[in-house]
C-alpha atoms as a PDB file:
ATOM      1  CA  MET A   1     -82.846 -61.128  -3.701  1.00  0.00           C
ATOM      2  CA  ARG A   2     -79.304 -61.794  -2.390  1.00  0.00           C
ATOM      3  CA  ALA A   3     -77.790 -61.639  -5.938  1.00  0.00           C
ATOM      4  CA  GLY A   4     -79.776 -58.431  -6.971  1.00  0.00           C
ATOM      5  CA  VAL A   5     -78.194 -56.646  -3.854  1.00  0.00           C
ATOM      6  CA  MET A   6     -74.923 -57.766  -4.941  1.00  0.00           C
ATOM      7  CA  SER A   7     -75.015 -56.511  -8.421  1.00  0.00           C
ATOM      8  CA  TRP A   8     -76.406 -53.288  -7.335  1.00  0.00           C
ATOM      9  CA  LEU A   9     -73.214 -52.919  -4.801  1.00  0.00           C
ATOM     10  CA  TRP A  10     -71.064 -53.955  -7.775  1.00  0.00           C
ATOM     11  CA  ARG A  11     -72.469 -51.523 -10.156  1.00  0.00           C
ATOM     12  CA  SER A  12     -72.176 -48.983  -7.464  1.00  0.00           C
ATOM     13  CA  LEU A  13     -68.631 -49.689  -6.618  1.00  0.00           C
ATOM     14  CA  ARG A  14     -67.994 -49.554 -10.385  1.00  0.00           C
ATOM     15  CA  LYS A  15     -69.421 -45.999 -10.541  1.00  0.00           C
ATOM     16  CA  GLY A  16     -67.644 -44.380  -7.583  1.00  0.00           C
ATOM     17  CA  TRP A  17     -64.145 -46.252  -9.151  1.00  0.00           C
ATOM     18  CA  ASP A  18     -65.022 -44.228 -12.523  1.00  0.00           C
ATOM     19  CA  ARG A  19     -65.493 -41.057 -11.050  1.00  0.00           C
ATOM     20  CA  SER A  20     -62.695 -41.279  -8.567  1.00  0.00           C
ATOM     21  CA  ALA A  21     -60.362 -42.238 -11.755  1.00  0.00           C
ATOM     22  CA  VAL A  22     -61.147 -38.823 -13.468  1.00  0.00           C
ATOM     23  CA  TYR A  23     -59.611 -37.185 -10.549  1.00  0.00           C
ATOM     24  CA  THR A  24     -56.672 -39.639 -10.188  1.00  0.00           C
ATOM     25  CA  PRO A  25     -54.144 -37.358 -12.696  1.00  0.00           C
ATOM     26  CA  ILE A  26     -54.922 -34.201 -10.791  1.00  0.00           C
ATOM     27  CA  LEU A  27     -53.770 -36.076  -7.214  1.00  0.00           C
ATOM     28  CA  LEU A  28     -50.718 -37.252  -8.949  1.00  0.00           C
ATOM     29  CA  MET A  29     -49.832 -33.782 -10.176  1.00  0.00           C
ATOM     30  CA  GLY A  30     -50.557 -32.368  -6.897  1.00  0.00           C
ATOM     31  CA  LEU A  31     -48.216 -35.167  -4.960  1.00  0.00           C
ATOM     32  CA  VAL A  32     -45.614 -34.158  -7.917  1.00  0.00           C
ATOM     33  CA  ALA A  33     -45.957 -30.578  -7.295  1.00  0.00           C
ATOM     34  CA  LEU A  34     -45.493 -31.120  -3.414  1.00  0.00           C
ATOM     35  CA  GLY A  35     -42.626 -33.306  -3.600  1.00  0.00           C
ATOM     36  CA  THR A  36     -40.671 -30.613  -5.869  1.00  0.00           C
ATOM     37  CA  TYR A  37     -41.712 -27.730  -3.556  1.00  0.00           C
ATOM     38  CA  TRP A  38     -40.028 -30.048  -0.714  1.00  0.00           C
ATOM     39  CA  LEU A  39     -36.851 -30.880  -2.694  1.00  0.00           C
ATOM     40  CA  ALA A  40     -36.344 -27.071  -3.568  1.00  0.00           C
ATOM     41  CA  ARG A  41     -36.636 -25.975   0.102  1.00  0.00           C
ATOM     42  CA  ASN A  42     -34.578 -28.737   1.638  1.00  0.00           C
ATOM     43  CA  THR A  43     -31.757 -29.079  -1.225  1.00  0.00           C
ATOM     44  CA  PRO A  44     -28.437 -26.937  -0.587  1.00  0.00           C
ATOM     45  CA  THR A  45     -27.605 -24.380  -2.452  1.00  0.00           C
ATOM     46  CA  PHE A  46     -23.862 -23.357  -3.423  1.00  0.00           C
ATOM     47  CA  ALA A  47     -23.301 -19.685  -3.764  1.00  0.00           C
ATOM     48  CA  PRO A  48     -21.017 -18.651  -6.184  1.00  0.00           C
ATOM     49  CA  PRO A  49     -17.493 -17.567  -5.002  1.00  0.00           C
ATOM     50  CA  SER A  50     -17.387 -14.015  -4.134  1.00  0.00           C
ATOM     51  CA  ALA A  51     -15.008 -11.426  -5.341  1.00  0.00           C
ATOM     52  CA  PRO A  52     -11.976 -10.349  -3.000  1.00  0.00           C
ATOM     53  CA  ALA A  53     -12.500  -7.274  -1.255  1.00  0.00           C
ATOM     54  CA  PRO A  54     -10.642  -4.530  -2.348  1.00  0.00           C
ATOM     55  CA  PRO A  55      -7.795  -3.625   0.041  1.00  0.00           C
ATOM     56  CA  THR A  56      -8.816  -0.805   2.761  1.00  0.00           C
ATOM     57  CA  HIS A  57      -6.181   1.537   4.035  1.00  0.00           C
ATOM     58  CA  GLU A  58      -6.038  -0.222   7.427  1.00  0.00           C
ATOM     59  CA  PRO A  59      -2.488  -1.860   8.099  1.00  0.00           C
ATOM     60  CA  ASP A  60      -1.900  -5.569   7.321  1.00  0.00           C
ATOM     61  CA  TYR A  61       1.054  -6.113   9.425  1.00  0.00           C
ATOM     62  CA  PHE A  62       3.434  -4.291  11.773  1.00  0.00           C
ATOM     63  CA  MET A  63       7.349  -4.128  12.664  1.00  0.00           C
ATOM     64  CA  ARG A  64       8.952  -2.806  15.632  1.00  0.00           C
ATOM     65  CA  ARG A  65      12.602  -2.070  15.470  1.00  0.00           C
ATOM     66  CA  PHE A  66      13.398  -3.259  12.276  1.00  0.00           C
ATOM     67  CA  ALA A  67      15.701  -2.675   9.223  1.00  0.00           C
ATOM     68  CA  VAL A  68      14.886  -2.909   5.572  1.00  0.00           C
ATOM     69  CA  ARG A  69      17.497  -3.134   2.929  1.00  0.00           C
ATOM     70  CA  HIS A  70      17.267  -2.599  -0.592  1.00  0.00           C
ATOM     71  CA  PHE A  71      19.750  -4.019  -3.228  1.00  0.00           C
ATOM     72  CA  ASP A  72      20.132  -3.451  -7.115  1.00  0.00           C
ATOM     73  CA  ASP A  73      20.295  -6.212  -9.495  1.00  0.00           C
ATOM     74  CA  THR A  74      23.706  -6.484  -9.288  1.00  0.00           C
ATOM     75  CA  GLY A  75      23.425  -7.252  -5.040  1.00  0.00           C
ATOM     76  CA  ARG A  76      24.684  -3.711  -4.381  1.00  0.00           C
ATOM     77  CA  LEU A  77      23.083  -2.372  -1.329  1.00  0.00           C
ATOM     78  CA  LYS A  78      21.068   0.727  -2.457  1.00  0.00           C
ATOM     79  CA  SER A  79      19.652   2.022   0.789  1.00  0.00           C
ATOM     80  CA  GLU A  80      18.593   0.760   4.436  1.00  0.00           C
ATOM     81  CA  VAL A  81      15.788   2.102   6.324  1.00  0.00           C
ATOM     82  CA  PHE A  82      15.742   1.718  10.509  1.00  0.00           C
ATOM     83  CA  GLY A  83      12.661   2.486  12.557  1.00  0.00           C
ATOM     84  CA  THR A  84      11.352   2.283  15.927  1.00  0.00           C
ATOM     85  CA  GLU A  85       7.930   0.885  14.268  1.00  0.00           C
ATOM     86  CA  ALA A  86       6.248   0.636  11.061  1.00  0.00           C
ATOM     87  CA  ARG A  87       2.605  -0.071   9.603  1.00  0.00           C
ATOM     88  CA  HIS A  88       2.393  -1.434   6.090  1.00  0.00           C
ATOM     89  CA  TYR A  89      -0.889  -0.175   4.253  1.00  0.00           C
ATOM     90  CA  PRO A  90      -2.084  -2.715   1.358  1.00  0.00           C
ATOM     91  CA  ASP A  91      -4.109  -0.299  -0.584  1.00  0.00           C
ATOM     92  CA  THR A  92      -1.013   2.256  -1.276  1.00  0.00           C
ATOM     93  CA  ASP A  93       1.679  -0.530  -0.694  1.00  0.00           C
ATOM     94  CA  THR A  94       3.503   2.252   1.503  1.00  0.00           C
ATOM     95  CA  LEU A  95       5.248   1.922   4.827  1.00  0.00           C
ATOM     96  CA  GLU A  96       4.499   4.151   7.694  1.00  0.00           C
ATOM     97  CA  ILE A  97       7.668   4.661   9.705  1.00  0.00           C
ATOM     98  CA  ASP A  98       8.046   6.077  13.134  1.00  0.00           C
ATOM     99  CA  ASN A  99      11.355   7.715  13.829  1.00  0.00           C
ATOM    100  CA  PRO A 100      13.000   6.658  10.618  1.00  0.00           C
ATOM    101  CA  ARG A 101      16.490   6.751   9.794  1.00  0.00           C
ATOM    102  CA  VAL A 102      17.416   6.103   5.866  1.00  0.00           C
ATOM    103  CA  ARG A 103      20.973   5.605   4.415  1.00  0.00           C
ATOM    104  CA  ALA A 104      21.366   5.697   1.030  1.00  0.00           C
ATOM    105  CA  PHE A 105      24.512   5.080  -1.465  1.00  0.00           C
ATOM    106  CA  ASN A 106      24.475   6.175  -4.817  1.00  0.00           C
ATOM    107  CA  GLU A 107      26.415   4.164  -7.594  1.00  0.00           C
ATOM    108  CA  ARG A 108      29.323   6.169  -6.413  1.00  0.00           C
ATOM    109  CA  GLY A 109      29.303   5.135  -3.239  1.00  0.00           C
ATOM    110  CA  GLU A 110      28.536   8.233  -1.575  1.00  0.00           C
ATOM    111  CA  LEU A 111      26.300   8.142   1.623  1.00  0.00           C
ATOM    112  CA  THR A 112      23.317  10.225   2.317  1.00  0.00           C
ATOM    113  CA  VAL A 113      21.303   9.866   5.902  1.00  0.00           C
ATOM    114  CA  ALA A 114      18.163  11.122   6.208  1.00  0.00           C
ATOM    115  CA  THR A 115      16.170  11.171   9.654  1.00  0.00           C
ATOM    116  CA  ALA A 116      12.665  12.628  10.618  1.00  0.00           C
ATOM    117  CA  ARG A 117       9.951  11.986  13.402  1.00  0.00           C
ATOM    118  CA  ARG A 118       7.918  10.198  10.717  1.00  0.00           C
ATOM    119  CA  GLY A 119       8.277   8.800   7.018  1.00  0.00           C
ATOM    120  CA  ILE A 120       6.287   7.708   4.395  1.00  0.00           C
ATOM    121  CA  SER A 121       8.077   4.909   2.008  1.00  0.00           C
ATOM    122  CA  ASN A 122       6.890   3.578  -1.005  1.00  0.00           C
ATOM    123  CA  GLY A 123       7.136  -0.040  -1.766  1.00  0.00           C
ATOM    124  CA  ASP A 124      10.615  -0.315  -3.036  1.00  0.00           C
ATOM    125  CA  GLY A 125      12.022   2.151  -0.847  1.00  0.00           C
ATOM    126  CA  SER A 126      13.077   4.611  -3.647  1.00  0.00           C
ATOM    127  CA  GLU A 127      10.858   7.578  -2.214  1.00  0.00           C
ATOM    128  CA  VAL A 128      10.725   8.559   1.391  1.00  0.00           C
ATOM    129  CA  GLN A 129       8.510  11.601   2.602  1.00  0.00           C
ATOM    130  CA  LEU A 130      10.445  12.920   5.823  1.00  0.00           C
ATOM    131  CA  ILE A 131       7.899  14.991   8.093  1.00  0.00           C
ATOM    132  CA  GLY A 132       8.766  16.678  11.143  1.00  0.00           C
ATOM    133  CA  ASP A 133      12.126  17.370  12.459  1.00  0.00           C
ATOM    134  CA  ALA A 134      13.629  16.151   8.721  1.00  0.00           C
ATOM    135  CA  VAL A 135      17.053  15.939   8.079  1.00  0.00           C
ATOM    136  CA  VAL A 136      19.107  15.116   5.116  1.00  0.00           C
ATOM    137  CA  THR A 137      22.691  14.932   5.402  1.00  0.00           C
ATOM    138  CA  ARG A 138      25.418  14.537   2.352  1.00  0.00           C
ATOM    139  CA  GLU A 139      28.727  13.521   3.578  1.00  0.00           C
ATOM    140  CA  ALA A 140      31.750  15.191   2.194  1.00  0.00           C
ATOM    141  CA  SER A 141      33.193  13.477  -1.030  1.00  0.00           C
ATOM    142  CA  ARG A 142      35.001  13.753  -4.195  1.00  0.00           C
ATOM    143  CA  GLY A 143      33.460  14.191  -7.463  1.00  0.00           C
ATOM    144  CA  PRO A 144      34.618  12.695 -10.736  1.00  0.00           C
ATOM    145  CA  ASP A 145      37.093  15.517 -11.449  1.00  0.00           C
ATOM    146  CA  GLY A 146      38.512  14.895  -7.869  1.00  0.00           C
ATOM    147  CA  GLU A 147      37.162  18.180  -6.508  1.00  0.00           C
ATOM    148  CA  LEU A 148      36.227  17.829  -3.032  1.00  0.00           C
ATOM    149  CA  ARG A 149      32.516  18.482  -2.004  1.00  0.00           C
ATOM    150  CA  PRO A 150      31.951  19.707   1.450  1.00  0.00           C
ATOM    151  CA  ARG A 151      29.330  18.429   3.776  1.00  0.00           C
ATOM    152  CA  MET A 152      25.639  19.354   3.089  1.00  0.00           C
ATOM    153  CA  GLU A 153      22.591  19.381   5.285  1.00  0.00           C
ATOM    154  CA  ILE A 154      19.255  20.205   4.547  1.00  0.00           C
ATOM    155  CA  SER A 155      16.359  20.501   6.959  1.00  0.00           C
ATOM    156  CA  GLY A 156      12.824  21.617   7.377  1.00  0.00           C
ATOM    157  CA  GLU A 157       9.460  20.089   8.694  1.00  0.00           C
ATOM    158  CA  PHE A 158       8.979  18.062   5.240  1.00  0.00           C
ATOM    159  CA  LEU A 159      11.650  16.583   2.984  1.00  0.00           C
ATOM    160  CA  HIS A 160      10.621  14.597  -0.169  1.00  0.00           C
ATOM    161  CA  ALA A 161      13.417  12.172  -0.963  1.00  0.00           C
ATOM    162  CA  PHE A 162      13.824  10.359  -4.126  1.00  0.00           C
ATOM    163  CA  VAL A 163      16.556   7.792  -3.719  1.00  0.00           C
ATOM    164  CA  ASP A 164      17.016   6.551  -7.253  1.00  0.00           C
ATOM    165  CA  THR A 165      17.254   9.922  -9.118  1.00  0.00           C
ATOM    166  CA  GLU A 166      19.116  11.495  -5.938  1.00  0.00           C
ATOM    167  CA  ARG A 167      16.596  14.321  -5.818  1.00  0.00           C
ATOM    168  CA  LEU A 168      15.214  16.164  -2.839  1.00  0.00           C
ATOM    169  CA  LEU A 169      12.098  18.389  -2.889  1.00  0.00           C
ATOM    170  CA  SER A 170      10.200  20.670  -0.358  1.00  0.00           C
ATOM    171  CA  HIS A 171       7.197  23.032  -0.501  1.00  0.00           C
ATOM    172  CA  LYS A 172       8.108  24.115   3.053  1.00  0.00           C
ATOM    173  CA  PRO A 173      10.768  26.442   4.419  1.00  0.00           C
ATOM    174  CA  VAL A 174      13.975  24.875   4.511  1.00  0.00           C
ATOM    175  CA  VAL A 175      17.477  25.733   5.950  1.00  0.00           C
ATOM    176  CA  LEU A 176      20.583  24.668   4.010  1.00  0.00           C
ATOM    177  CA  VAL A 177      24.113  24.514   5.268  1.00  0.00           C
ATOM    178  CA  GLN A 178      26.910  23.448   2.901  1.00  0.00           C
ATOM    179  CA  GLY A 179      30.604  24.020   4.496  1.00  0.00           C
ATOM    180  CA  ASN A 180      30.794  27.160   6.075  1.00  0.00           C
ATOM    181  CA  HIS A 181      27.847  28.575   3.935  1.00  0.00           C
ATOM    182  CA  ARG A 182      24.184  28.765   5.376  1.00  0.00           C
ATOM    183  CA  PHE A 183      20.859  29.288   3.541  1.00  0.00           C
ATOM    184  CA  THR A 184      17.059  29.530   4.010  1.00  0.00           C
ATOM    185  CA  ALA A 185      14.207  29.480   1.562  1.00  0.00           C
ATOM    186  CA  ASP A 186      10.539  28.466   1.276  1.00  0.00           C
ATOM    187  CA  ARG A 187      10.760  25.926  -1.158  1.00  0.00           C
ATOM    188  CA  LEU A 188      13.677  23.719  -2.674  1.00  0.00           C
ATOM    189  CA  ASP A 189      14.786  21.636  -5.594  1.00  0.00           C
ATOM    190  CA  TYR A 190      17.724  19.507  -5.260  1.00  0.00           C
ATOM    191  CA  ASP A 191      19.138  17.374  -7.991  1.00  0.00           C
ATOM    192  CA  ASN A 192      22.170  15.758  -6.896  1.00  0.00           C
ATOM    193  CA  LEU A 193      23.176  14.240 -10.096  1.00  0.00           C
ATOM    194  CA  ASP A 194      23.360  17.413 -11.817  1.00  0.00           C
ATOM    195  CA  ARG A 195      24.352  19.219  -8.804  1.00  0.00           C
ATOM    196  CA  VAL A 196      21.449  21.884  -9.290  1.00  0.00           C
ATOM    197  CA  LEU A 197      19.898  23.537  -6.146  1.00  0.00           C
ATOM    198  CA  GLN A 198      17.304  25.817  -6.899  1.00  0.00           C
ATOM    199  CA  LEU A 199      15.993  27.615  -3.514  1.00  0.00           C
ATOM    200  CA  GLU A 200      12.812  29.905  -4.179  1.00  0.00           C
ATOM    201  CA  GLY A 201      10.637  32.382  -2.184  1.00  0.00           C
ATOM    202  CA  ARG A 202      12.382  34.259   0.518  1.00  0.00           C
ATOM    203  CA  VAL A 203      15.624  33.462   0.309  1.00  0.00           C
ATOM    204  CA  ARG A 204      18.599  34.359   2.487  1.00  0.00           C
ATOM    205  CA  GLY A 205      22.213  33.375   2.711  1.00  0.00           C
ATOM    206  CA  THR A 206      25.166  33.834   4.895  1.00  0.00           C
ATOM    207  CA  LEU A 207      28.437  33.102   2.615  1.00  0.00           C
ATOM    208  CA  ALA A 208      31.572  32.521   4.760  1.00  0.00           C
ATOM    209  CA  PRO A 209      35.048  33.072   3.413  1.00  0.00           C
ATOM    210  CA  GLU A 210      36.967  29.724   2.649  1.00  0.00           C
ATOM    211  CA  PRO A 211      39.551  28.778   5.058  1.00  0.00           C
ATOM    212  CA  ARG A 212      42.966  29.408   3.668  1.00  0.00           C
ATOM    213  CA  PRO A 213      45.285  26.389   3.163  1.00  0.00           C
ATOM    214  CA  SER A 214      48.052  25.879   5.896  1.00  0.00           C
END
Protein backbone atom coordinates (compact mmCIF):
# COMPACT_ATOMS: atom_id res chain seq x y z
CA MET A 1 0.00 0.00 0.00
CA ARG A 2 2.74 2.39 0.95
CA ALA A 3 4.64 1.59 -2.21
CA GLY A 4 1.56 2.36 -4.29
CA VAL A 5 1.15 5.78 -2.61
CA MET A 6 4.77 6.65 -3.24
CA SER A 7 4.44 5.63 -6.85
CA TRP A 8 1.34 7.79 -7.24
CA LEU A 9 3.11 10.80 -5.68
CA TRP A 10 6.07 10.36 -7.96
CA ARG A 11 3.89 10.23 -11.05
CA SER A 12 2.00 13.39 -9.91
CA LEU A 13 5.22 15.32 -9.31
CA ARG A 14 6.57 14.27 -12.67
CA LYS A 15 3.40 15.34 -14.45
CA GLY A 16 3.51 18.71 -12.61
CA TRP A 17 7.13 19.21 -13.56
CA ASP A 18 6.43 18.36 -17.17
CA ARG A 19 3.58 20.89 -17.24
CA SER A 20 5.71 23.63 -15.62
CA ALA A 21 8.59 22.94 -18.02
CA VAL A 22 6.34 24.09 -20.87
CA TYR A 23 6.14 27.58 -19.31
CA THR A 24 9.80 27.87 -18.39
CA PRO A 25 10.90 29.61 -21.67
CA ILE A 26 8.06 32.10 -21.27
CA LEU A 27 9.12 32.85 -17.70
CA LEU A 28 12.75 33.27 -18.79
CA MET A 29 11.74 35.64 -21.62
CA GLY A 30 9.70 37.67 -19.16
CA LEU A 31 12.65 37.94 -16.79
CA VAL A 32 14.93 39.05 -19.66
CA ALA A 33 12.41 41.67 -20.79
CA LEU A 34 12.04 42.95 -17.24
CA GLY A 35 15.83 43.20 -16.83
CA THR A 36 16.16 45.03 -20.18
CA TYR A 37 13.47 47.53 -19.15
CA TRP A 38 15.23 48.14 -15.83
CA LEU A 39 18.57 48.73 -17.54
CA ALA A 40 17.00 51.11 -20.06
CA ARG A 41 15.45 53.15 -17.25
CA ASN A 42 18.59 53.35 -15.14
CA THR A 43 21.40 53.62 -17.70
CA PRO A 44 22.65 57.27 -18.00
CA THR A 45 22.30 58.81 -21.46
CA PHE A 46 24.79 61.19 -23.08
CA ALA A 47 23.16 63.96 -25.08
CA PRO A 48 25.02 65.15 -28.18
CA PRO A 49 26.82 68.47 -27.72
CA SER A 50 24.45 71.33 -28.46
CA ALA A 51 25.32 73.83 -31.15
CA PRO A 52 26.58 77.18 -29.84
CA ALA A 53 23.82 79.74 -29.57
CA PRO A 54 24.02 82.59 -32.09
CA PRO A 55 25.31 85.86 -30.62
CA THR A 56 22.64 88.28 -29.46
CA HIS A 57 22.59 92.05 -29.44
CA GLU A 58 23.63 92.18 -25.81
CA PRO A 59 26.96 93.70 -24.68
CA ASP A 60 29.60 91.07 -23.94
CA TYR A 61 32.03 93.53 -22.35
CA PHE A 62 32.26 97.15 -21.17
CA MET A 63 35.03 99.72 -21.02
CA ARG A 64 35.18 102.95 -19.02
CA ARG A 65 37.48 105.92 -19.58
CA PHE A 66 39.35 104.04 -22.25
CA ALA A 67 41.57 104.58 -25.27
CA VAL A 68 41.74 102.21 -28.26
CA ARG A 69 44.51 102.63 -30.84
CA HIS A 70 44.69 101.15 -34.32
CA PHE A 71 47.93 100.69 -36.30
CA ASP A 72 48.64 99.71 -39.90
CA ASP A 73 50.93 96.86 -40.98
CA THR A 74 54.03 99.05 -40.65
CA GLY A 75 53.21 100.08 -37.09
CA ARG A 76 52.06 103.59 -38.02
CA LEU A 77 49.30 104.95 -35.78
CA LYS A 78 46.15 105.26 -37.88
CA SER A 79 43.59 106.29 -35.29
CA GLU A 80 42.86 106.42 -31.61
CA VAL A 81 39.43 106.47 -29.99
CA PHE A 82 38.69 107.82 -26.52
CA GLY A 83 35.42 107.68 -24.60
CA THR A 84 33.82 107.79 -21.17
CA GLU A 85 32.16 104.38 -21.63
CA ALA A 86 31.85 101.80 -24.40
CA ARG A 87 29.80 98.63 -24.95
CA HIS A 88 30.77 95.88 -27.41
CA TYR A 89 28.02 93.98 -29.28
CA PRO A 90 29.21 90.57 -30.56
CA ASP A 91 26.48 90.05 -33.17
CA THR A 92 27.55 93.14 -35.16
CA ASP A 93 31.13 93.44 -33.81
CA THR A 94 30.49 97.11 -33.11
CA LEU A 95 31.53 99.37 -30.26
CA GLU A 96 28.98 101.89 -28.97
CA ILE A 97 30.79 104.80 -27.32
CA ASP A 98 29.60 107.57 -25.03
CA ASN A 99 31.24 110.98 -25.64
CA PRO A 100 33.70 109.68 -28.25
CA ARG A 101 36.78 111.59 -29.36
CA VAL A 102 38.55 110.24 -32.43
CA ARG A 103 41.98 111.28 -33.70
CA ALA A 104 42.86 109.98 -37.17
CA PHE A 105 46.14 110.38 -39.07
CA ASN A 106 46.39 109.82 -42.82
CA GLU A 107 49.50 108.63 -44.64
CA ARG A 108 50.74 112.24 -44.92
CA GLY A 109 50.49 112.68 -41.14
CA GLU A 110 47.57 115.11 -41.36
CA LEU A 111 45.36 115.09 -38.28
CA THR A 112 41.56 114.91 -38.21
CA VAL A 113 39.67 115.11 -34.92
CA ALA A 114 36.04 114.04 -34.42
CA THR A 115 33.75 114.39 -31.38
CA ALA A 116 30.08 113.66 -30.62
CA ARG A 117 27.73 112.70 -27.81
CA ARG A 118 27.60 109.11 -29.05
CA GLY A 119 29.56 107.04 -31.54
CA ILE A 120 29.31 103.62 -33.18
CA SER A 121 32.56 102.11 -34.44
CA ASN A 122 33.11 98.91 -36.41
CA GLY A 123 35.55 96.24 -35.25
CA ASP A 124 38.77 97.68 -36.73
CA GLY A 125 37.93 101.35 -36.16
CA SER A 126 37.92 102.17 -39.87
CA GLU A 127 34.30 103.36 -39.80
CA VAL A 128 32.72 105.58 -37.14
CA GLN A 129 29.19 106.97 -36.96
CA LEU A 130 29.00 110.19 -34.93
CA ILE A 131 25.58 110.99 -33.44
CA GLY A 132 24.52 114.16 -31.63
CA ASP A 133 26.54 117.41 -31.74
CA ALA A 134 28.97 115.75 -34.13
CA VAL A 135 32.02 117.79 -35.16
CA VAL A 136 34.84 116.75 -37.49
CA THR A 137 37.85 119.05 -37.74
CA ARG A 138 40.71 118.78 -40.19
CA GLU A 139 43.61 120.88 -39.01
CA ALA A 140 45.38 123.27 -41.35
CA SER A 141 48.08 121.64 -43.45
CA ARG A 142 50.03 121.96 -46.67
CA GLY A 143 49.22 119.84 -49.67
CA PRO A 144 51.76 117.87 -51.75
CA ASP A 145 52.30 120.98 -53.89
CA GLY A 146 53.02 123.13 -50.84
CA GLU A 147 49.69 124.92 -51.00
CA LEU A 148 48.26 125.89 -47.61
CA ARG A 149 45.01 124.11 -46.83
CA PRO A 150 43.10 126.08 -44.20
CA ARG A 151 41.46 124.51 -41.18
CA MET A 152 38.07 122.97 -41.98
CA GLU A 153 35.26 122.09 -39.56
CA ILE A 154 32.10 120.14 -40.37
CA SER A 155 29.31 119.84 -37.80
CA GLY A 156 25.82 118.36 -37.63
CA GLU A 157 23.61 115.91 -35.76
CA PHE A 158 25.00 112.94 -37.76
CA LEU A 159 28.31 112.39 -39.51
CA HIS A 160 29.62 109.10 -40.92
CA ALA A 161 33.42 108.98 -41.07
CA PHE A 162 35.45 106.45 -43.10
CA VAL A 163 38.98 106.64 -41.73
CA ASP A 164 40.86 104.57 -44.34
CA THR A 165 39.34 106.28 -47.38
CA GLU A 166 39.21 109.74 -45.70
CA ARG A 167 35.57 110.19 -46.59
CA LEU A 168 32.78 111.87 -44.65
CA LEU A 169 29.05 111.47 -45.36
CA SER A 170 25.87 112.84 -43.87
CA HIS A 171 22.22 112.57 -44.86
CA LYS A 172 21.27 115.27 -42.36
CA PRO A 173 21.86 119.06 -42.32
CA VAL A 174 25.46 120.15 -41.83
CA VAL A 175 27.47 123.32 -41.33
CA LEU A 176 30.87 123.63 -42.99
CA VAL A 177 33.43 126.26 -42.07
CA GLN A 178 36.66 126.44 -44.07
CA GLY A 179 38.95 129.33 -43.31
CA ASN A 180 36.72 132.40 -43.41
CA HIS A 181 34.03 130.71 -45.53
CA ARG A 182 30.83 129.20 -44.15
CA PHE A 183 28.29 126.90 -45.84
CA THR A 184 25.11 125.06 -44.80
CA ALA A 185 23.47 122.16 -46.64
CA ASP A 186 20.95 119.34 -46.19
CA ARG A 187 23.42 116.59 -47.12
CA LEU A 188 27.16 116.21 -47.52
CA ASP A 189 29.67 113.95 -49.28
CA TYR A 190 33.30 114.90 -48.72
CA ASP A 191 36.30 113.02 -50.17
CA ASN A 192 39.50 114.30 -48.59
CA LEU A 193 41.80 112.21 -50.83
CA ASP A 194 40.44 113.66 -54.06
CA ARG A 195 39.53 116.98 -52.37
CA VAL A 196 35.98 116.78 -53.70
CA LEU A 197 33.16 118.32 -51.66
CA GLN A 198 29.51 117.84 -52.56
CA LEU A 199 26.83 119.86 -50.75
CA GLU A 200 23.24 118.92 -51.60
CA GLY A 201 19.74 120.14 -50.86
CA ARG A 202 19.29 123.73 -49.66
CA VAL A 203 22.82 125.04 -49.90
CA ARG A 204 23.72 128.48 -48.57
CA GLY A 205 27.16 129.97 -48.29
CA THR A 206 29.07 133.02 -47.17
CA LEU A 207 32.39 133.71 -48.87
CA ALA A 208 34.71 136.07 -47.05
CA PRO A 209 37.64 137.75 -48.76
CA GLU A 210 40.99 136.20 -48.06
CA PRO A 211 43.22 138.35 -45.83
CA ARG A 212 45.92 140.17 -47.72
CA PRO A 213 49.48 139.28 -46.84
CA SER A 214 51.12 142.00 -44.78
